[in-house]
Amino acid sequence: MIRFFRGSGIGPVIVLTLITLGLWMQYFIEPPQMTGLVAGQPMPLWGIVTEALSSTPILAVAVSSVLMLVVAVIMVRFNTSIFFIPRRTIFPALMYILLFSVFPGEMVLNPALPAAILIMAGLWRIITTYRAAGMAINFFDAALLISAGGMFYAGSVWFLVLVFIGALILRSPDLKELTIAVAGAVLPWLVLYAVWYLTGGNINGLTEIIRHNLFDETLQIYLSRTMVILLSVTGIIFIPALILVIREMATMKIRSRRTFELLFWMIVVCVVCYIFVPAVSTEMNAITAIPVAFIMSGYFTFTRRTVTIEILFWLMMVMLVVSRIWPY
């Protein structure tokens, strides 16, 4: 299966489609109740989405699955464009779909999904600044996209730090580039407050919604024994993947190396948020799965120990199924 998914032909695409259908089938057959999915007061744009889908659970499932597939497709196209994983492969899409499905309770109407799309687009804009002549307006675009993700999922704002880290990694930014990045980060929120005020909304109420979504403690999750085993197997794959990719970076082209560095920083931001931000919970897995999937995909591409990885890959797949059938 490792050799099979290293390719990009029609065969891997068909199998990936079947895996996706298998992971989502239970929700299409029996859509979850909307009242159990939207807790508290969501961010403004995500509130509009959830309100529109609240009366049609099956449509909520369809929209969620499409958003997940959009992230997966963007990841494959991102690698094809930057080519930091030196192979045209659908592994990033496969690993993202598998990792996203680790927490089934966060698969439908996850506000971090649309934010993940915007963050992924922002990362793409950051990487394209490498060796770009003149002032890089891309930092404005990247900050604007990532900040706009906060309209759906407030936790997106913590990833704005990647814009400035990317500027330092990829080039020597001047004051103008950093200033326009700040402007791009602030602009979506100015527009939000302006629209909210013009439509008769209470400004203090909007500020309280944002504060609640950024800082108030979220509900704790229950980790079953099967879930703990699944997460342990995933970690057993990820740790050597991280080590191998770091070891291989010395032989990579500069832009590929910088791309992996930015992905490492993205993981650091995720870990810091999980530890220190009480409002962040498993819903952020939709974002965390992006850099983890890329690093695992690089591991599956680089490594020559295909037998060992094959066993671990199948063990992860089996535990993913077991955690659904026997969630205890």
Protein backbone atom coordinates (compact mmCIF):
# COMPACT_ATOMS: atom_id res chain seq x y z
CA MET A 1 0.00 0.00 0.00
CA ILE A 2 2.89 2.38 0.65
CA ARG A 3 4.26 1.84 -2.85
CA PHE A 4 0.74 1.99 -4.25
CA PHE A 5 -0.08 5.38 -2.71
CA ARG A 6 3.29 6.84 -3.64
CA GLY A 7 1.90 7.14 -7.16
CA SER A 8 -0.69 9.55 -8.50
CA GLY A 9 -2.59 7.49 -11.07
CA ILE A 10 -6.28 6.64 -11.18
CA GLY A 11 -5.84 3.58 -8.94
CA PRO A 12 -4.77 5.49 -5.78
CA VAL A 13 -7.49 8.07 -6.43
CA ILE A 14 -10.19 5.37 -6.59
CA VAL A 15 -8.97 3.70 -3.39
CA LEU A 16 -8.76 7.10 -1.65
CA THR A 17 -12.36 7.78 -2.69
CA LEU A 18 -13.49 4.44 -1.26
CA ILE A 19 -11.66 5.12 2.02
CA THR A 20 -13.31 8.54 2.26
CA LEU A 21 -16.75 7.08 1.63
CA GLY A 22 -16.14 4.41 4.24
CA LEU A 23 -15.17 6.99 6.88
CA TRP A 24 -18.17 9.23 6.13
CA MET A 25 -20.84 6.63 5.34
CA GLN A 26 -22.23 6.42 8.89
CA TYR A 27 -22.95 10.16 8.87
CA PHE A 28 -24.67 10.08 5.50
CA ILE A 29 -26.82 7.13 6.66
CA GLU A 30 -27.59 8.67 10.07
CA PRO A 31 -26.75 12.39 10.17
CA PRO A 32 -25.96 13.72 13.67
CA GLN A 33 -28.32 16.14 15.37
CA MET A 34 -27.34 19.76 14.89
CA THR A 35 -28.13 20.69 18.52
CA GLY A 36 -25.24 18.54 19.71
CA LEU A 37 -22.73 19.98 17.24
CA VAL A 38 -22.94 23.72 17.82
CA ALA A 39 -22.18 24.66 21.42
CA GLY A 40 -22.08 28.19 22.80
CA GLN A 41 -22.05 31.19 20.48
CA PRO A 42 -20.07 30.62 17.26
CA MET A 43 -18.06 33.19 15.34
CA PRO A 44 -20.19 35.41 13.05
CA LEU A 45 -19.62 33.75 9.66
CA TRP A 46 -19.74 30.25 11.12
CA GLY A 47 -22.97 31.21 12.91
CA ILE A 48 -24.51 32.05 9.52
CA VAL A 49 -23.41 28.68 8.13
CA THR A 50 -24.70 26.64 11.07
CA GLU A 51 -28.00 28.50 11.07
CA ALA A 52 -28.47 27.82 7.34
CA LEU A 53 -27.71 24.10 7.79
CA SER A 54 -29.48 23.54 11.11
CA SER A 55 -32.69 22.25 9.51
CA THR A 56 -30.98 19.89 7.04
CA PRO A 57 -28.51 17.56 8.82
CA ILE A 58 -27.70 15.60 5.65
CA LEU A 59 -26.65 18.83 3.92
CA ALA A 60 -24.43 19.68 6.90
CA VAL A 61 -22.69 16.31 6.46
CA ALA A 62 -22.29 16.91 2.71
CA VAL A 63 -20.87 20.42 3.21
CA SER A 64 -18.45 19.18 5.87
CA SER A 65 -17.16 16.33 3.70
CA VAL A 66 -16.72 18.67 0.73
CA LEU A 67 -14.76 21.15 2.85
CA MET A 68 -12.47 18.33 4.03
CA LEU A 69 -11.90 17.23 0.42
CA VAL A 70 -11.12 20.82 -0.60
CA VAL A 71 -8.37 20.95 2.04
CA ALA A 72 -7.01 17.60 0.80
CA VAL A 73 -7.01 18.72 -2.84
CA ILE A 74 -5.29 22.02 -2.00
CA MET A 75 -2.59 20.08 -0.13
CA VAL A 76 -1.90 17.87 -3.16
CA ARG A 77 -1.83 20.89 -5.47
CA PHE A 78 0.43 22.74 -3.01
CA ASN A 79 2.99 19.94 -3.12
CA THR A 80 2.71 19.68 -6.91
CA SER A 81 3.41 23.40 -7.19
CA ILE A 82 6.21 23.72 -4.61
CA PHE A 83 7.38 20.10 -5.01
CA PHE A 84 8.92 19.99 -1.53
CA ILE A 85 7.98 16.29 -1.34
CA PRO A 86 9.88 15.14 -4.45
CA ARG A 87 7.10 13.01 -5.91
CA ARG A 88 3.67 13.58 -7.43
CA THR A 89 1.65 11.70 -4.85
CA ILE A 90 -1.77 11.77 -3.21
CA PHE A 91 -0.26 10.79 0.15
CA PRO A 92 -0.89 14.29 1.63
CA ALA A 93 -4.61 13.95 0.82
CA LEU A 94 -4.78 10.39 2.17
CA MET A 95 -3.00 11.22 5.43
CA TYR A 96 -5.06 14.38 5.95
CA ILE A 97 -8.34 12.50 5.53
CA LEU A 98 -7.19 9.75 7.91
CA LEU A 99 -5.87 12.17 10.53
CA PHE A 100 -8.94 14.40 10.28
CA SER A 101 -11.12 11.33 10.91
CA VAL A 102 -9.32 10.40 14.14
CA PHE A 103 -11.91 12.41 16.13
CA PRO A 104 -15.25 11.47 14.54
CA GLY A 105 -17.18 13.87 16.76
CA GLU A 106 -15.42 16.80 15.07
CA MET A 107 -15.98 15.72 11.48
CA VAL A 108 -19.37 17.37 10.89
CA LEU A 109 -19.74 21.15 11.13
CA ASN A 110 -16.23 21.74 12.39
CA PRO A 111 -15.57 25.51 12.25
CA ALA A 112 -11.84 24.86 11.83
CA LEU A 113 -12.46 23.27 8.40
CA PRO A 114 -13.14 26.48 6.43
CA ALA A 115 -10.39 28.12 8.46
CA ALA A 116 -8.01 25.30 7.41
CA ILE A 117 -8.72 26.11 3.76
CA LEU A 118 -7.84 29.78 4.28
CA ILE A 119 -4.74 28.94 6.35
CA MET A 120 -3.56 26.51 3.66
CA ALA A 121 -4.07 29.21 1.02
CA GLY A 122 -2.19 31.65 3.23
CA LEU A 123 0.76 29.27 3.57
CA TRP A 124 0.85 28.93 -0.21
CA ARG A 125 1.05 32.71 -0.58
CA ILE A 126 3.85 32.88 2.00
CA ILE A 127 5.98 30.24 0.27
CA THR A 128 5.65 31.95 -3.12
CA THR A 129 7.49 34.97 -1.73
CA TYR A 130 10.75 33.01 -1.90
CA ARG A 131 13.11 34.91 -4.21
CA ALA A 132 10.26 37.21 -5.28
CA ALA A 133 11.54 40.54 -6.60
CA GLY A 134 10.43 43.79 -5.00
CA MET A 135 8.06 44.21 -2.10
CA ALA A 136 6.16 41.02 -1.38
CA ILE A 137 2.44 41.88 -1.33
CA ASN A 138 1.92 38.16 -0.66
CA PHE A 139 2.37 38.78 3.07
CA PHE A 140 -0.67 41.05 2.98
CA ASP A 141 -2.64 38.33 1.17
CA ALA A 142 -1.50 35.61 3.57
CA ALA A 143 -2.33 37.65 6.67
CA LEU A 144 -5.70 38.60 5.18
CA LEU A 145 -6.58 34.96 4.42
CA ILE A 146 -5.50 33.57 7.78
CA SER A 147 -7.18 36.41 9.67
CA ALA A 148 -10.38 35.89 7.67
CA GLY A 149 -10.34 32.30 8.89
CA GLY A 150 -11.02 33.78 12.33
CA MET A 151 -14.49 34.76 11.15
CA PHE A 152 -15.25 31.01 11.16
CA TYR A 153 -12.89 29.74 13.85
CA ALA A 154 -11.38 32.22 16.28
CA GLY A 155 -8.32 30.04 16.89
CA SER A 156 -7.11 30.87 13.39
CA VAL A 157 -5.72 34.19 14.64
CA TRP A 158 -2.93 32.36 16.51
CA PHE A 159 -1.58 31.21 13.13
CA LEU A 160 -0.95 34.79 12.03
CA VAL A 161 2.45 34.39 13.63
CA LEU A 162 3.32 32.11 10.68
CA VAL A 163 3.18 35.12 8.34
CA PHE A 164 5.95 36.88 10.23
CA ILE A 165 7.94 33.68 10.79
CA GLY A 166 7.64 32.96 7.07
CA ALA A 167 8.87 36.46 6.27
CA LEU A 168 11.98 35.89 8.40
CA ILE A 169 12.61 32.40 7.00
CA LEU A 170 12.10 33.15 3.32
CA ARG A 171 13.58 36.63 2.94
CA SER A 172 14.86 39.65 4.84
CA PRO A 173 11.62 41.62 5.17
CA ASP A 174 11.66 45.39 5.36
CA LEU A 175 9.37 47.52 7.48
CA LYS A 176 6.89 48.04 4.63
CA GLU A 177 6.34 44.30 4.16
CA LEU A 178 5.77 43.78 7.88
CA THR A 179 3.43 46.78 8.00
CA ILE A 180 1.26 45.55 5.14
CA ALA A 181 1.14 42.11 6.80
CA VAL A 182 -0.25 43.75 9.94
CA ALA A 183 -2.73 45.68 7.77
CA GLY A 184 -3.87 42.44 6.14
CA ALA A 185 -4.38 40.86 9.56
CA VAL A 186 -6.44 43.79 10.87
CA LEU A 187 -8.57 44.47 7.77
CA PRO A 188 -11.06 41.54 8.09
CA TRP A 189 -11.83 42.52 11.68
CA LEU A 190 -12.38 46.18 10.75
CA VAL A 191 -14.80 45.08 8.04
CA LEU A 192 -16.56 42.73 10.48
CA TYR A 193 -17.04 45.46 13.07
CA ALA A 194 -18.20 47.93 10.41
CA VAL A 195 -20.77 45.53 8.96
CA TRP A 196 -21.91 44.52 12.43
CA TYR A 197 -22.43 48.17 13.40
CA LEU A 198 -24.20 49.11 10.14
CA THR A 199 -26.61 46.19 10.47
CA GLY A 200 -27.62 47.29 13.96
CA GLY A 201 -25.54 44.84 15.95
CA ASN A 202 -24.16 45.58 19.40
CA ILE A 203 -20.41 46.21 19.25
CA ASN A 204 -19.88 45.08 22.83
CA GLY A 205 -21.81 41.92 22.06
CA LEU A 206 -19.53 41.16 19.10
CA THR A 207 -16.45 41.74 21.24
CA GLU A 208 -17.84 39.32 23.84
CA ILE A 209 -18.45 36.66 21.15
CA ILE A 210 -14.84 36.96 19.97
CA ARG A 211 -13.50 36.90 23.54
CA HIS A 212 -15.60 33.83 24.35
CA ASN A 213 -14.35 31.93 21.29
CA LEU A 214 -10.73 32.92 21.92
CA PHE A 215 -10.33 32.41 25.64
CA ASP A 216 -13.24 30.66 27.38
CA GLU A 217 -12.60 27.04 28.31
CA THR A 218 -14.19 24.47 26.03
CA LEU A 219 -15.70 21.13 26.98
CA GLN A 220 -13.22 18.39 27.84
CA ILE A 221 -13.14 15.36 25.55
CA TYR A 222 -13.32 11.72 26.55
CA LEU A 223 -10.49 9.56 25.25
CA SER A 224 -11.47 5.91 25.08
CA ARG A 225 -8.93 3.10 25.26
CA THR A 226 -9.20 2.49 21.53
CA MET A 227 -8.70 6.22 20.88
CA VAL A 228 -5.58 6.24 23.07
CA ILE A 229 -4.17 3.28 21.13
CA LEU A 230 -4.99 4.98 17.81
CA LEU A 231 -3.27 8.21 18.90
CA SER A 232 -0.28 6.21 20.15
CA VAL A 233 0.10 4.42 16.81
CA THR A 234 -0.17 7.77 15.02
CA GLY A 235 2.55 9.17 17.28
CA ILE A 236 4.77 6.13 16.64
CA ILE A 237 4.54 6.92 12.92
CA PHE A 238 4.92 10.68 13.30
CA ILE A 239 8.01 10.81 15.54
CA PRO A 240 10.36 8.87 13.20
CA ALA A 241 8.75 10.74 10.29
CA LEU A 242 9.73 14.04 11.89
CA ILE A 243 13.26 12.80 12.58
CA LEU A 244 13.75 11.49 9.03
CA VAL A 245 12.46 14.67 7.39
CA ILE A 246 14.76 16.79 9.58
CA ARG A 247 17.68 14.54 8.60
CA GLU A 248 16.80 14.78 4.88
CA MET A 249 16.47 18.59 4.94
CA ALA A 250 20.22 19.04 4.43
CA THR A 251 19.90 17.51 0.95
CA MET A 252 16.76 19.41 -0.05
CA LYS A 253 16.49 22.44 -2.26
CA ILE A 254 16.31 25.69 -0.33
CA ARG A 255 12.61 26.36 -0.97
CA SER A 256 11.69 22.79 0.03
CA ARG A 257 13.71 23.14 3.22
CA ARG A 258 12.04 26.46 4.03
CA THR A 259 8.61 24.92 3.42
CA PHE A 260 9.24 22.14 5.92
CA GLU A 261 10.59 24.69 8.40
CA LEU A 262 7.34 26.64 8.14
CA LEU A 263 5.37 23.40 8.67
CA PHE A 264 7.45 22.68 11.78
CA TRP A 265 6.56 26.11 13.13
CA MET A 266 2.90 25.42 12.37
CA ILE A 267 3.10 22.31 14.56
CA VAL A 268 4.73 24.39 17.33
CA VAL A 269 1.85 26.89 17.17
CA CYS A 270 -0.67 24.03 17.37
CA VAL A 271 1.07 22.47 20.39
CA VAL A 272 1.27 25.81 22.19
CA CYS A 273 -2.45 26.41 21.54
CA TYR A 274 -3.42 22.95 22.81
CA ILE A 275 -1.44 23.51 26.02
CA PHE A 276 -2.04 27.16 26.85
CA VAL A 277 -5.33 28.22 25.15
CA PRO A 278 -8.34 26.80 27.02
CA ALA A 279 -10.71 27.51 24.10
CA VAL A 280 -8.78 25.13 21.83
CA SER A 281 -9.81 21.50 21.71
CA THR A 282 -9.98 18.62 19.23
CA GLU A 283 -11.71 20.77 16.60
CA MET A 284 -8.29 22.22 15.80
CA ASN A 285 -7.30 18.78 14.52
CA ALA A 286 -8.64 20.02 11.15
CA ILE A 287 -5.68 22.44 11.10
CA THR A 288 -3.09 20.38 12.99
CA ALA A 289 -3.55 17.52 10.52
CA ILE A 290 -2.13 19.68 7.69
CA PRO A 291 1.55 19.83 8.76
CA VAL A 292 1.42 16.36 10.32
CA ALA A 293 0.06 14.88 7.08
CA PHE A 294 2.79 16.58 5.02
CA ILE A 295 5.56 15.34 7.31
CA MET A 296 4.17 11.78 7.32
CA SER A 297 3.85 11.93 3.53
CA GLY A 298 7.48 12.98 3.28
CA TYR A 299 8.41 10.04 5.50
CA PHE A 300 6.48 7.56 3.35
CA THR A 301 8.18 9.00 0.27
CA PHE A 302 11.75 9.13 1.62
CA THR A 303 11.95 5.99 3.74
CA ARG A 304 13.31 2.69 2.46
CA ARG A 305 11.90 0.70 5.39
CA THR A 306 8.68 -0.01 3.57
CA VAL A 307 7.89 -3.22 5.48
CA THR A 308 7.96 -1.50 8.89
CA ILE A 309 5.95 1.47 7.65
CA GLU A 310 3.52 -0.86 5.91
CA ILE A 311 2.79 -2.59 9.21
CA LEU A 312 2.36 0.69 11.10
CA PHE A 313 0.20 2.13 8.31
CA TRP A 314 -2.13 -0.89 8.40
CA LEU A 315 -2.20 -0.79 12.20
CA MET A 316 -3.31 2.84 12.05
CA MET A 317 -6.04 1.97 9.53
CA VAL A 318 -7.25 -0.97 11.63
CA MET A 319 -7.35 1.08 14.85
CA LEU A 320 -9.21 3.85 13.02
CA VAL A 321 -11.92 1.30 12.14
CA VAL A 322 -11.88 -0.29 15.60
CA SER A 323 -12.28 3.11 17.30
CA ARG A 324 -15.46 3.61 15.26
CA ILE A 325 -16.92 0.15 15.87
CA TRP A 326 -15.92 -0.09 19.56
CA PRO A 327 -15.51 3.46 20.94
CA TYR A 328 -14.72 2.40 24.52
